[in-house]
Structure formats: structure tokens, C-alpha cells
Amino acid sequence: MQVNLKRYGLYLLRWQLSTPILAGVLFLLSTIDKVTATVIANLIGGLIFFWVDMFIFTSHHLSVEWEIRDTAVCVDCGREARGYRIIRARSYDRTTDSNPEFRCEECSIRKTQQLRQKGIAI
């Protein structure tokens, strides 16, 4: 399993942000018993952080989606090799591409560098 470090970092930051919020709720509920206050604080935290977690784990802005084929003809050099193509990145979306262009590893690296020079975050 490959970990997306940007996504993982946001998730860790989110955990740190939940601590003062839950502590604040527990402080406000200090007049009731501790178990009930903890359950209520966790419910409030779940209501808030469900949406944050959903953004972290489903956002296309935080990751690059690739398609890899074991054998494909490189659109640039014409060689038959393992084929790579970027399907989606921050400001790049080829999910509905009817004629996907696969590239060998060398040409894929070159194309990725060209996209970065155009300002596409990959």
C-alpha cells in the first residue's frame, strides 16, 4: 500500500485540531457525568469531522490518479511497453477521454515534466 503523504499529513493535523474542540465540549459538559459527556463530545466531533475526513479521503485535489497497462503502444515513441497515463490531477482531468494516450516510462516522465512546467500539480 502506498501512502499519500499530503493526505496523511492533513489527517494527522485534523486529529490535532479535534483535541481542543472535544476538550472544549467536555469542559462545557463538566456538570454531567463523565461517560455521558464523553459520548456527547464524540457525537459532536463525529458531526464535525465526518465532513473533514470525507474531504481528506475523497478529494481529487490531494492526489494524482494514474492508469497503468502492462502492454500499450507509446503514443510518443511508438514502442510497445508498459503504458502509463495520468487520469486526474489537481487541474487536469482526462476521465472522459475517449482516446486515452499511454506512454512508456521514459516518455511518461518527459510528459509529466511538461505538465508541471505548464503549472499542473502532479
Protein backbone atom coordinates (compact mmCIF):
# COMPACT_ATOMS: atom_id res chain seq x y z
CA MET A 1 0.00 0.00 0.00
CA GLN A 2 1.36 3.40 -0.97
CA VAL A 3 0.62 6.29 1.40
CA ASN A 4 -0.14 9.76 0.07
CA LEU A 5 1.96 11.90 2.43
CA LYS A 6 -0.04 15.09 1.81
CA ARG A 7 -3.28 13.29 2.67
CA TYR A 8 -1.70 11.60 5.69
CA GLY A 9 -0.34 14.92 6.95
CA LEU A 10 -3.78 16.54 6.67
CA TYR A 11 -5.29 13.62 8.54
CA LEU A 12 -2.76 13.99 11.38
CA LEU A 13 -3.42 17.74 11.50
CA ARG A 14 -7.15 17.03 11.65
CA TRP A 15 -6.58 14.76 14.66
CA GLN A 16 -4.69 17.52 16.43
CA LEU A 17 -7.48 20.02 15.71
CA SER A 18 -10.10 17.67 17.13
CA THR A 19 -8.44 17.62 20.55
CA PRO A 20 -9.22 21.23 21.65
CA ILE A 21 -12.73 21.03 20.21
CA LEU A 22 -13.55 17.84 22.10
CA ALA A 23 -11.86 19.18 25.24
CA GLY A 24 -13.96 22.34 24.99
CA VAL A 25 -17.16 20.33 24.71
CA LEU A 26 -16.13 18.21 27.70
CA PHE A 27 -15.43 21.38 29.69
CA LEU A 28 -18.88 22.77 28.83
CA LEU A 29 -20.48 19.48 29.85
CA SER A 30 -18.49 19.14 33.09
CA THR A 31 -21.63 19.32 35.18
CA ILE A 32 -22.89 15.93 33.92
CA ASP A 33 -21.27 12.53 34.43
CA LYS A 34 -18.06 11.85 32.52
CA VAL A 35 -19.32 8.96 30.39
CA THR A 36 -22.34 10.89 29.10
CA ALA A 37 -20.19 13.99 28.45
CA THR A 38 -17.67 11.86 26.51
CA VAL A 39 -20.42 10.27 24.39
CA ILE A 40 -21.90 13.70 23.59
CA ALA A 41 -18.45 15.15 22.82
CA ASN A 42 -17.70 12.26 20.46
CA LEU A 43 -21.05 12.69 18.71
CA ILE A 44 -20.35 16.39 18.20
CA GLY A 45 -16.83 15.56 16.97
CA GLY A 46 -18.28 13.00 14.56
CA LEU A 47 -20.74 15.55 13.20
CA ILE A 48 -17.89 17.99 12.53
CA PHE A 49 -15.05 15.74 11.46
CA PHE A 50 -17.02 13.38 9.23
CA TRP A 51 -17.05 16.13 6.60
CA VAL A 52 -13.38 16.95 7.10
CA ASP A 53 -12.42 13.27 6.77
CA MET A 54 -14.59 12.89 3.69
CA PHE A 55 -12.74 15.81 2.06
CA ILE A 56 -9.34 14.40 3.02
CA PHE A 57 -10.03 10.90 1.69
CA THR A 58 -12.06 11.71 -1.42
CA SER A 59 -10.61 14.99 -2.65
CA HIS A 60 -9.08 14.79 -6.10
CA HIS A 61 -7.07 17.91 -5.26
CA LEU A 62 -4.86 15.90 -2.93
CA SER A 63 -3.79 13.10 -5.23
CA VAL A 64 -2.93 12.08 -8.76
CA GLU A 65 -4.79 9.18 -10.35
CA TRP A 66 -2.86 7.04 -12.84
CA GLU A 67 -3.85 4.23 -15.17
CA ILE A 68 -1.20 1.63 -15.95
CA ARG A 69 -1.43 -1.09 -18.59
CA ASP A 70 1.01 -3.97 -18.79
CA THR A 71 1.31 -3.58 -22.56
CA ALA A 72 0.47 -0.50 -24.56
CA VAL A 73 1.83 1.31 -27.59
CA CYS A 74 3.53 4.55 -26.56
CA VAL A 75 1.80 7.48 -28.25
CA ASP A 76 5.11 9.40 -28.42
CA CYS A 77 7.77 6.89 -29.48
CA GLY A 78 5.62 4.02 -30.79
CA ARG A 79 7.33 1.40 -28.62
CA GLU A 80 5.27 -1.40 -27.10
CA ALA A 81 5.91 -1.37 -23.37
CA ARG A 82 4.21 -0.92 -20.03
CA GLY A 83 1.91 2.08 -20.54
CA TYR A 84 1.23 4.97 -18.17
CA ARG A 85 -1.26 7.81 -18.28
CA ILE A 86 -2.45 10.38 -15.80
CA ILE A 87 -6.21 10.27 -15.48
CA ARG A 88 -6.73 13.07 -12.97
CA ALA A 89 -4.68 15.64 -11.06
CA ARG A 90 -5.48 19.00 -9.46
CA SER A 91 -6.21 20.95 -12.66
CA TYR A 92 -6.07 18.06 -15.12
CA ASP A 93 -8.92 15.68 -15.87
CA ARG A 94 -8.93 13.03 -18.59
CA THR A 95 -11.55 10.73 -17.07
CA THR A 96 -13.84 11.02 -20.09
CA ASP A 97 -11.07 10.81 -22.69
CA SER A 98 -12.39 8.54 -25.49
CA ASN A 99 -8.86 8.01 -26.90
CA PRO A 100 -6.53 7.66 -23.92
CA GLU A 101 -2.85 8.21 -24.64
CA PHE A 102 -0.47 5.81 -22.94
CA ARG A 103 3.27 6.40 -22.77
CA CYS A 104 6.24 4.22 -21.97
CA GLU A 105 8.08 5.05 -18.75
CA GLU A 106 10.62 7.37 -20.39
CA CYS A 107 8.04 9.32 -22.39
CA SER A 108 5.71 9.42 -19.37
CA ILE A 109 8.43 11.08 -17.27
CA ARG A 110 9.02 13.61 -20.03
CA LYS A 111 5.27 14.33 -20.37
CA THR A 112 4.89 14.69 -16.60
CA GLN A 113 7.69 17.28 -16.56
CA GLN A 114 5.97 19.19 -19.41
CA LEU A 115 2.69 19.23 -17.46
CA ARG A 116 4.48 20.52 -14.35
CA GLN A 117 6.05 23.30 -16.42
CA LYS A 118 2.53 24.28 -17.50
CA GLY A 119 1.61 24.62 -13.84
CA ILE A 120 -0.31 21.39 -13.43
CA ALA A 121 0.35 19.96 -9.94
CA ILE A 122 1.47 16.39 -10.41
